[in-house]
């Protein structure tokens, strides 16, 4: 499995942006929709989630796996109005599944830009959509990580310098 670094986030943001661009603006609404498109870019949003949650990039990969599960099982189409909330819901579940120490949902709500009641609803809805199946097999994680690492944008960005 490749070792991923901070270059992962721009790649995931680009890929999600490509998915959104392919989807019709007439996509049916979903329980993850916000009233308006959030002002923060996907890349900045993911950077914010990772930074303020003090977690590894594995949480981003797992959240994308969860987003895929949710969309496949529910028929939800990723749009600019739901991508941030889908990502947040997957991210919260990913952190709780993969980390020993987690922050409170109040903290995650603040970081994610939603109120606590909304975050709790998003988390519950995501878990129900996945039938509470949060386990991610190593082979699945490795496949996603490998695809991100092979992306031309990942390869084109400078590798972080370790001091």
N, C-alpha and C. Protein backbone atom coordinates (compact mmCIF):
# COMPACT_ATOMS: atom_id res chain seq x y z
N UNK A 1 0.84 -1.17 0.00
CA UNK A 1 0.00 0.00 0.00
C UNK A 1 0.89 1.25 0.00
N UNK A 2 0.56 2.23 -0.83
CA UNK A 2 1.38 3.44 -0.87
C UNK A 2 1.23 4.26 0.40
N UNK A 3 2.28 4.96 0.76
CA UNK A 3 2.21 5.91 1.87
C UNK A 3 1.72 7.22 1.29
N UNK A 4 0.58 7.66 1.74
CA UNK A 4 0.01 8.89 1.22
C UNK A 4 0.38 10.07 2.12
N UNK A 5 0.48 11.23 1.52
CA UNK A 5 0.82 12.43 2.26
C UNK A 5 -0.18 13.52 1.89
N UNK A 6 0.16 14.74 2.25
CA UNK A 6 -0.77 15.86 2.09
C UNK A 6 -1.23 16.07 0.64
N UNK A 7 -0.55 15.45 -0.33
CA UNK A 7 -0.98 15.58 -1.73
C UNK A 7 -2.31 14.87 -1.97
N UNK A 8 -2.71 14.01 -1.04
CA UNK A 8 -3.97 13.28 -1.17
C UNK A 8 -5.17 14.22 -1.28
N UNK A 9 -5.18 15.26 -0.48
CA UNK A 9 -6.36 16.11 -0.40
C UNK A 9 -6.67 16.82 -1.72
N UNK A 10 -5.71 17.44 -2.40
CA UNK A 10 -6.04 18.04 -3.70
C UNK A 10 -6.54 17.00 -4.73
N UNK A 11 -6.01 15.79 -4.64
CA UNK A 11 -6.44 14.73 -5.57
C UNK A 11 -7.90 14.36 -5.30
N UNK A 12 -8.24 14.13 -4.05
CA UNK A 12 -9.61 13.78 -3.71
C UNK A 12 -10.56 14.92 -4.07
N UNK A 13 -10.15 16.16 -3.79
CA UNK A 13 -10.98 17.31 -4.14
C UNK A 13 -11.21 17.38 -5.65
N UNK A 14 -10.16 17.14 -6.43
CA UNK A 14 -10.30 17.16 -7.90
C UNK A 14 -11.24 16.07 -8.37
N UNK A 15 -11.06 14.86 -7.84
CA UNK A 15 -11.91 13.74 -8.27
C UNK A 15 -13.37 13.97 -7.90
N UNK A 16 -13.61 14.49 -6.71
CA UNK A 16 -14.99 14.80 -6.33
C UNK A 16 -15.55 15.92 -7.21
N UNK A 17 -14.72 16.91 -7.52
CA UNK A 17 -15.15 17.98 -8.43
C UNK A 17 -15.50 17.45 -9.80
N UNK A 18 -14.74 16.46 -10.29
CA UNK A 18 -15.04 15.84 -11.58
C UNK A 18 -16.38 15.11 -11.54
N UNK A 19 -16.65 14.43 -10.43
CA UNK A 19 -17.93 13.72 -10.27
C UNK A 19 -19.08 14.72 -10.28
N UNK A 20 -18.91 15.81 -9.55
CA UNK A 20 -19.96 16.84 -9.49
C UNK A 20 -20.20 17.44 -10.87
N UNK A 21 -19.13 17.69 -11.62
CA UNK A 21 -19.27 18.28 -12.96
C UNK A 21 -20.04 17.37 -13.90
N UNK A 22 -19.91 16.07 -13.71
CA UNK A 22 -20.62 15.11 -14.57
C UNK A 22 -22.09 14.97 -14.21
N UNK A 23 -22.42 15.29 -12.98
CA UNK A 23 -23.80 15.12 -12.52
C UNK A 23 -24.65 16.32 -12.91
N UNK A 24 -25.88 16.03 -13.23
CA UNK A 24 -26.81 17.06 -13.64
C UNK A 24 -27.16 17.99 -12.49
N UNK A 25 -27.38 19.23 -12.83
CA UNK A 25 -27.84 20.17 -11.80
C UNK A 25 -29.28 19.86 -11.43
N UNK A 26 -29.92 18.98 -12.17
CA UNK A 26 -31.29 18.57 -11.89
C UNK A 26 -31.33 17.29 -11.06
N UNK A 27 -30.24 16.95 -10.41
CA UNK A 27 -30.20 15.75 -9.58
C UNK A 27 -31.24 15.87 -8.47
N UNK A 28 -31.87 14.76 -8.13
CA UNK A 28 -32.87 14.84 -7.04
C UNK A 28 -32.22 15.27 -5.73
N UNK A 29 -33.00 15.92 -4.91
CA UNK A 29 -32.46 16.37 -3.63
C UNK A 29 -32.25 15.16 -2.72
N UNK A 30 -31.40 15.35 -1.73
CA UNK A 30 -31.11 14.28 -0.78
C UNK A 30 -31.10 14.84 0.64
N UNK A 31 -31.05 13.95 1.60
CA UNK A 31 -31.03 14.37 3.01
C UNK A 31 -29.73 15.07 3.36
N UNK A 32 -28.74 15.04 2.47
CA UNK A 32 -27.45 15.68 2.71
C UNK A 32 -27.35 17.07 2.10
N UNK A 33 -28.36 17.49 1.38
CA UNK A 33 -28.31 18.78 0.69
C UNK A 33 -28.30 19.95 1.67
N UNK A 34 -27.49 20.96 1.32
CA UNK A 34 -27.54 22.23 2.03
C UNK A 34 -28.38 23.17 1.16
N UNK A 35 -28.88 24.22 1.77
CA UNK A 35 -29.74 25.16 1.04
C UNK A 35 -28.98 25.83 -0.10
N UNK A 36 -27.70 26.10 0.12
CA UNK A 36 -26.86 26.72 -0.90
C UNK A 36 -25.51 26.02 -0.93
N UNK A 37 -24.80 26.22 -2.02
CA UNK A 37 -23.46 25.66 -2.13
C UNK A 37 -22.56 26.32 -1.08
N UNK A 38 -21.86 25.52 -0.28
CA UNK A 38 -20.95 26.12 0.71
C UNK A 38 -19.87 26.97 0.04
N UNK A 39 -19.48 28.04 0.71
CA UNK A 39 -18.49 28.96 0.16
C UNK A 39 -17.08 28.37 0.19
N UNK A 40 -16.81 27.45 1.10
CA UNK A 40 -15.48 26.88 1.23
C UNK A 40 -15.25 25.80 0.17
N UNK A 41 -14.07 25.81 -0.43
CA UNK A 41 -13.75 24.80 -1.44
C UNK A 41 -13.63 23.43 -0.78
N UNK A 42 -13.80 22.39 -1.58
CA UNK A 42 -13.65 21.03 -1.05
C UNK A 42 -12.25 20.80 -0.48
N UNK A 43 -11.26 21.29 -1.19
CA UNK A 43 -9.89 21.11 -0.73
C UNK A 43 -9.67 21.79 0.63
N UNK A 44 -10.13 23.03 0.75
CA UNK A 44 -9.98 23.75 2.01
C UNK A 44 -10.80 23.07 3.12
N UNK A 45 -11.97 22.55 2.78
CA UNK A 45 -12.83 21.88 3.75
C UNK A 45 -12.14 20.62 4.29
N UNK A 46 -11.57 19.83 3.39
CA UNK A 46 -10.87 18.62 3.84
C UNK A 46 -9.65 18.99 4.68
N UNK A 47 -8.91 20.01 4.27
CA UNK A 47 -7.76 20.46 5.06
C UNK A 47 -8.22 20.86 6.47
N UNK A 48 -9.32 21.56 6.53
CA UNK A 48 -9.88 21.99 7.81
C UNK A 48 -10.28 20.79 8.67
N UNK A 49 -10.98 19.83 8.08
CA UNK A 49 -11.41 18.65 8.83
C UNK A 49 -10.21 17.90 9.41
N UNK A 50 -9.21 17.67 8.58
CA UNK A 50 -8.03 16.91 9.02
C UNK A 50 -7.27 17.69 10.09
N UNK A 51 -7.04 18.97 9.85
CA UNK A 51 -6.26 19.78 10.78
C UNK A 51 -6.92 19.86 12.16
N UNK A 52 -8.19 20.22 12.18
CA UNK A 52 -8.88 20.45 13.46
C UNK A 52 -9.35 19.17 14.14
N UNK A 53 -9.29 18.06 13.44
CA UNK A 53 -9.68 16.79 14.04
C UNK A 53 -8.48 15.99 14.50
N UNK A 54 -7.30 16.49 14.14
CA UNK A 54 -6.05 15.83 14.54
C UNK A 54 -6.06 14.34 14.20
N UNK A 55 -6.38 14.06 12.97
CA UNK A 55 -6.43 12.67 12.52
C UNK A 55 -5.53 12.52 11.30
N UNK A 56 -5.33 11.29 10.91
CA UNK A 56 -4.51 11.01 9.74
C UNK A 56 -5.32 11.09 8.46
N UNK A 57 -4.61 11.04 7.36
CA UNK A 57 -5.27 11.09 6.05
C UNK A 57 -6.08 9.83 5.77
N UNK A 58 -5.85 8.77 6.54
CA UNK A 58 -6.65 7.57 6.36
C UNK A 58 -8.14 7.86 6.57
N UNK A 59 -8.46 8.83 7.41
CA UNK A 59 -9.86 9.19 7.63
C UNK A 59 -10.49 9.75 6.36
N UNK A 60 -9.72 10.47 5.55
CA UNK A 60 -10.24 10.98 4.27
C UNK A 60 -10.53 9.80 3.33
N UNK A 61 -9.60 8.86 3.24
CA UNK A 61 -9.81 7.71 2.36
C UNK A 61 -11.03 6.91 2.81
N UNK A 62 -11.13 6.66 4.10
CA UNK A 62 -12.27 5.89 4.61
C UNK A 62 -13.57 6.66 4.38
N UNK A 63 -13.54 7.98 4.53
CA UNK A 63 -14.76 8.75 4.29
C UNK A 63 -15.20 8.68 2.83
N UNK A 64 -14.26 8.61 1.91
CA UNK A 64 -14.61 8.44 0.49
C UNK A 64 -15.21 7.06 0.25
N UNK A 65 -14.65 6.05 0.89
CA UNK A 65 -15.22 4.70 0.79
C UNK A 65 -16.66 4.71 1.32
N UNK A 66 -16.88 5.36 2.44
CA UNK A 66 -18.23 5.46 3.00
C UNK A 66 -19.16 6.23 2.07
N UNK A 67 -18.68 7.34 1.49
CA UNK A 67 -19.50 8.09 0.55
C UNK A 67 -19.94 7.20 -0.61
N UNK A 68 -19.00 6.40 -1.12
CA UNK A 68 -19.35 5.48 -2.21
C UNK A 68 -20.42 4.50 -1.76
N UNK A 69 -20.26 3.95 -0.57
CA UNK A 69 -21.27 2.99 -0.06
C UNK A 69 -22.64 3.66 0.05
N UNK A 70 -22.66 4.85 0.61
CA UNK A 70 -23.93 5.56 0.79
C UNK A 70 -24.59 5.82 -0.55
N UNK A 71 -23.82 6.31 -1.52
CA UNK A 71 -24.38 6.64 -2.83
C UNK A 71 -24.89 5.39 -3.56
N UNK A 72 -24.13 4.31 -3.48
CA UNK A 72 -24.54 3.07 -4.15
C UNK A 72 -25.82 2.53 -3.51
N UNK A 73 -25.88 2.55 -2.21
CA UNK A 73 -27.03 1.95 -1.51
C UNK A 73 -28.28 2.80 -1.55
N UNK A 74 -28.13 4.11 -1.68
CA UNK A 74 -29.29 5.00 -1.63
C UNK A 74 -29.64 5.63 -2.97
N UNK A 75 -28.72 5.58 -3.92
CA UNK A 75 -28.95 6.24 -5.20
C UNK A 75 -28.69 7.73 -5.17
N UNK A 76 -28.12 8.22 -4.09
CA UNK A 76 -27.80 9.65 -3.99
C UNK A 76 -26.73 10.00 -5.02
N UNK A 77 -26.92 11.14 -5.66
CA UNK A 77 -25.98 11.66 -6.65
C UNK A 77 -25.21 12.78 -5.97
N UNK A 78 -23.90 12.74 -6.08
CA UNK A 78 -23.07 13.78 -5.46
C UNK A 78 -23.18 15.07 -6.26
N UNK A 79 -23.54 16.14 -5.56
CA UNK A 79 -23.69 17.45 -6.17
C UNK A 79 -22.93 18.49 -5.34
N UNK A 80 -22.85 19.69 -5.86
CA UNK A 80 -22.18 20.75 -5.11
C UNK A 80 -22.95 21.12 -3.84
N UNK A 81 -24.23 20.78 -3.78
CA UNK A 81 -25.03 21.09 -2.59
C UNK A 81 -24.98 20.02 -1.51
N UNK A 82 -24.47 18.82 -1.84
CA UNK A 82 -24.43 17.78 -0.81
C UNK A 82 -23.05 17.21 -0.52
N UNK A 83 -22.07 17.53 -1.34
CA UNK A 83 -20.76 16.90 -1.20
C UNK A 83 -20.09 17.20 0.14
N UNK A 84 -20.20 18.42 0.63
CA UNK A 84 -19.58 18.77 1.91
C UNK A 84 -20.21 17.98 3.06
N UNK A 85 -21.52 17.87 3.05
CA UNK A 85 -22.21 17.15 4.14
C UNK A 85 -22.01 15.65 4.03
N UNK A 86 -21.99 15.13 2.82
CA UNK A 86 -21.67 13.70 2.65
C UNK A 86 -20.26 13.42 3.16
N UNK A 87 -19.34 14.28 2.80
CA UNK A 87 -17.96 14.13 3.24
C UNK A 87 -17.87 14.22 4.77
N UNK A 88 -18.54 15.19 5.36
CA UNK A 88 -18.53 15.35 6.81
C UNK A 88 -19.11 14.12 7.50
N UNK A 89 -20.23 13.64 7.02
CA UNK A 89 -20.86 12.45 7.64
C UNK A 89 -19.91 11.26 7.56
N UNK A 90 -19.33 11.03 6.39
CA UNK A 90 -18.38 9.93 6.24
C UNK A 90 -17.15 10.12 7.10
N UNK A 91 -16.69 11.35 7.19
CA UNK A 91 -15.49 11.66 7.96
C UNK A 91 -15.69 11.38 9.45
N UNK A 92 -16.82 11.79 9.98
CA UNK A 92 -17.11 11.58 11.40
C UNK A 92 -17.18 10.09 11.71
N UNK A 93 -17.87 9.35 10.87
CA UNK A 93 -17.96 7.90 11.07
C UNK A 93 -16.58 7.27 10.93
N UNK A 94 -15.80 7.73 9.96
CA UNK A 94 -14.45 7.19 9.75
C UNK A 94 -13.56 7.43 10.96
N UNK A 95 -13.62 8.62 11.52
CA UNK A 95 -12.80 8.92 12.70
C UNK A 95 -13.20 8.01 13.86
N UNK A 96 -14.48 7.90 14.07
CA UNK A 96 -14.95 7.09 15.20
C UNK A 96 -14.64 5.61 14.99
N UNK A 97 -14.59 5.17 13.76
CA UNK A 97 -14.28 3.77 13.48
C UNK A 97 -12.77 3.51 13.59
N UNK A 98 -11.96 4.47 13.18
CA UNK A 98 -10.52 4.20 13.04
C UNK A 98 -9.63 4.78 14.14
N UNK A 99 -10.15 5.67 14.96
CA UNK A 99 -9.32 6.34 15.96
C UNK A 99 -9.68 5.87 17.38
N UNK A 100 -8.69 5.81 18.23
CA UNK A 100 -8.94 5.47 19.62
C UNK A 100 -9.46 6.66 20.41
N UNK A 101 -8.97 7.84 20.08
CA UNK A 101 -9.39 9.05 20.77
C UNK A 101 -10.09 9.96 19.77
N UNK A 102 -11.27 10.37 20.13
CA UNK A 102 -12.03 11.26 19.27
C UNK A 102 -12.49 12.47 20.07
N UNK A 103 -12.80 13.52 19.34
CA UNK A 103 -13.34 14.72 19.97
C UNK A 103 -14.85 14.55 20.12
N UNK A 104 -15.48 15.54 20.72
CA UNK A 104 -16.93 15.50 20.87
C UNK A 104 -17.61 15.88 19.55
N UNK A 105 -18.85 15.50 19.41
CA UNK A 105 -19.59 15.91 18.22
C UNK A 105 -19.77 17.42 18.18
N UNK A 106 -19.79 18.07 19.32
CA UNK A 106 -19.86 19.53 19.34
C UNK A 106 -18.65 20.13 18.63
N UNK A 107 -17.47 19.57 18.91
CA UNK A 107 -16.25 20.02 18.24
C UNK A 107 -16.34 19.78 16.73
N UNK A 108 -16.73 18.57 16.34
CA UNK A 108 -16.81 18.24 14.91
C UNK A 108 -17.87 19.09 14.20
N UNK A 109 -18.95 19.41 14.88
CA UNK A 109 -19.97 20.27 14.28
C UNK A 109 -19.40 21.65 13.98
N UNK A 110 -18.66 22.19 14.94
CA UNK A 110 -18.03 23.49 14.74
C UNK A 110 -17.05 23.45 13.58
N UNK A 111 -16.20 22.44 13.56
CA UNK A 111 -15.21 22.29 12.49
C UNK A 111 -15.91 22.11 11.14
N UNK A 112 -16.99 21.33 11.12
CA UNK A 112 -17.70 21.04 9.87
C UNK A 112 -18.65 22.12 9.41
N UNK A 113 -18.89 23.12 10.26
CA UNK A 113 -19.74 24.24 9.85
C UNK A 113 -21.24 23.95 9.91
N UNK A 114 -21.63 23.01 10.78
CA UNK A 114 -23.06 22.71 10.97
C UNK A 114 -23.34 22.73 12.46
N UNK A 115 -24.63 22.80 12.82
CA UNK A 115 -24.93 22.74 14.24
C UNK A 115 -24.93 21.29 14.72
N UNK A 116 -24.90 21.11 16.02
CA UNK A 116 -24.77 19.78 16.60
C UNK A 116 -25.93 18.87 16.20
N UNK A 117 -27.13 19.37 16.21
CA UNK A 117 -28.29 18.56 15.84
C UNK A 117 -28.16 18.06 14.40
N UNK A 118 -27.70 18.93 13.52
CA UNK A 118 -27.51 18.56 12.11
C UNK A 118 -26.41 17.52 11.97
N UNK A 119 -25.30 17.69 12.69
CA UNK A 119 -24.22 16.71 12.61
C UNK A 119 -24.70 15.34 13.09
N UNK A 120 -25.42 15.33 14.20
CA UNK A 120 -25.94 14.06 14.71
C UNK A 120 -26.86 13.39 13.69
N UNK A 121 -27.68 14.19 13.02
CA UNK A 121 -28.58 13.65 12.00
C UNK A 121 -27.79 13.09 10.81
N UNK A 122 -26.77 13.83 10.38
CA UNK A 122 -25.95 13.37 9.25
C UNK A 122 -25.24 12.06 9.59
N UNK A 123 -24.68 11.99 10.79
CA UNK A 123 -23.98 10.78 11.21
C UNK A 123 -24.93 9.58 11.27
N UNK A 124 -26.08 9.77 11.90
CA UNK A 124 -27.07 8.69 12.01
C UNK A 124 -27.56 8.24 10.63
N UNK A 125 -27.83 9.21 9.76
CA UNK A 125 -28.32 8.89 8.41
C UNK A 125 -27.26 8.11 7.62
N UNK A 126 -26.00 8.49 7.76
CA UNK A 126 -24.92 7.79 7.07
C UNK A 126 -24.81 6.35 7.58
N UNK A 127 -24.83 6.19 8.88
CA UNK A 127 -24.74 4.84 9.46
C UNK A 127 -25.91 3.97 9.02
N UNK A 128 -27.10 4.53 9.01
CA UNK A 128 -28.28 3.78 8.57
C UNK A 128 -28.18 3.42 7.09
N UNK A 129 -27.68 4.35 6.28
CA UNK A 129 -27.55 4.09 4.84
C UNK A 129 -26.55 2.96 4.58
N UNK A 130 -25.56 2.84 5.46
CA UNK A 130 -24.55 1.78 5.32
C UNK A 130 -24.92 0.53 6.12
N UNK A 131 -26.15 0.51 6.66
CA UNK A 131 -26.59 -0.60 7.52
C UNK A 131 -25.61 -0.85 8.65
N UNK A 132 -25.01 0.23 9.14
CA UNK A 132 -24.06 0.19 10.25
C UNK A 132 -22.81 -0.64 9.94
N UNK A 133 -22.55 -0.86 8.66
CA UNK A 133 -21.38 -1.63 8.24
C UNK A 133 -20.21 -0.65 8.02
N UNK A 134 -19.44 -0.46 9.08
CA UNK A 134 -18.35 0.52 9.04
C UNK A 134 -16.99 -0.10 8.78
N UNK A 135 -16.90 -1.41 8.87
CA UNK A 135 -15.60 -2.04 8.66
C UNK A 135 -15.15 -1.85 7.21
N UNK A 136 -13.88 -1.52 7.05
CA UNK A 136 -13.27 -1.39 5.72
C UNK A 136 -12.14 -2.40 5.65
N UNK A 137 -12.26 -3.33 4.74
CA UNK A 137 -11.22 -4.34 4.54
C UNK A 137 -9.93 -3.66 4.08
N UNK A 138 -8.80 -4.22 4.51
CA UNK A 138 -7.50 -3.67 4.10
C UNK A 138 -7.36 -3.62 2.59
N UNK A 139 -7.86 -4.65 1.91
CA UNK A 139 -7.73 -4.69 0.45
C UNK A 139 -8.52 -3.55 -0.20
N UNK A 140 -9.66 -3.20 0.36
CA UNK A 140 -10.47 -2.09 -0.17
C UNK A 140 -9.76 -0.76 0.09
N UNK A 141 -9.29 -0.59 1.31
CA UNK A 141 -8.54 0.63 1.65
C UNK A 141 -7.34 0.79 0.74
N UNK A 142 -6.59 -0.29 0.55
CA UNK A 142 -5.39 -0.26 -0.29
C UNK A 142 -5.73 0.07 -1.74
N UNK A 143 -6.84 -0.45 -2.23
CA UNK A 143 -7.25 -0.17 -3.61
C UNK A 143 -7.54 1.32 -3.79
N UNK A 144 -8.29 1.92 -2.87
CA UNK A 144 -8.59 3.35 -2.95
C UNK A 144 -7.30 4.16 -2.83
N UNK A 145 -6.48 3.85 -1.82
CA UNK A 145 -5.23 4.59 -1.60
C UNK A 145 -4.34 4.49 -2.83
N UNK A 146 -4.27 3.30 -3.42
CA UNK A 146 -3.45 3.09 -4.60
C UNK A 146 -3.93 3.92 -5.79
N UNK A 147 -5.24 3.99 -5.96
CA UNK A 147 -5.78 4.79 -7.06
C UNK A 147 -5.48 6.27 -6.87
N UNK A 148 -5.58 6.75 -5.65
CA UNK A 148 -5.25 8.16 -5.39
C UNK A 148 -3.77 8.42 -5.66
N UNK A 149 -2.92 7.51 -5.21
CA UNK A 149 -1.47 7.69 -5.38
C UNK A 149 -1.04 7.61 -6.84
N UNK A 150 -1.81 6.90 -7.67
CA UNK A 150 -1.49 6.78 -9.09
C UNK A 150 -1.97 7.97 -9.91
N UNK A 151 -2.82 8.78 -9.32
CA UNK A 151 -3.42 9.90 -10.07
C UNK A 151 -2.32 10.86 -10.52
N UNK A 152 -2.45 11.37 -11.71
CA UNK A 152 -1.41 12.25 -12.27
C UNK A 152 -1.22 13.51 -11.44
N UNK A 153 -2.28 14.03 -10.82
CA UNK A 153 -2.13 15.22 -9.98
C UNK A 153 -1.28 14.90 -8.76
N UNK A 154 -1.50 13.75 -8.15
CA UNK A 154 -0.70 13.34 -6.98
C UNK A 154 0.77 13.28 -7.35
N UNK A 155 1.04 12.68 -8.51
CA UNK A 155 2.43 12.54 -8.95
C UNK A 155 3.06 13.88 -9.34
N UNK A 156 2.23 14.84 -9.76
CA UNK A 156 2.77 16.12 -10.23
C UNK A 156 3.06 17.10 -9.09
N UNK A 157 2.45 16.88 -7.94
CA UNK A 157 2.67 17.79 -6.81
C UNK A 157 3.97 17.47 -6.12
N UNK A 158 4.66 18.47 -5.61
CA UNK A 158 5.93 18.19 -4.93
C UNK A 158 5.71 17.38 -3.66
N UNK A 159 6.57 16.43 -3.46
CA UNK A 159 6.52 15.61 -2.25
C UNK A 159 6.89 16.47 -1.05
N UNK A 160 6.18 16.31 0.07
CA UNK A 160 6.53 17.12 1.23
C UNK A 160 7.94 16.81 1.72
N UNK A 161 8.60 17.85 2.18
CA UNK A 161 9.96 17.70 2.69
C UNK A 161 9.88 17.37 4.17
N UNK A 162 10.57 16.35 4.59
CA UNK A 162 10.60 15.98 6.00
C UNK A 162 11.87 16.53 6.63
N UNK A 163 11.69 17.23 7.74
CA UNK A 163 12.83 17.82 8.47
C UNK A 163 13.20 16.94 9.64
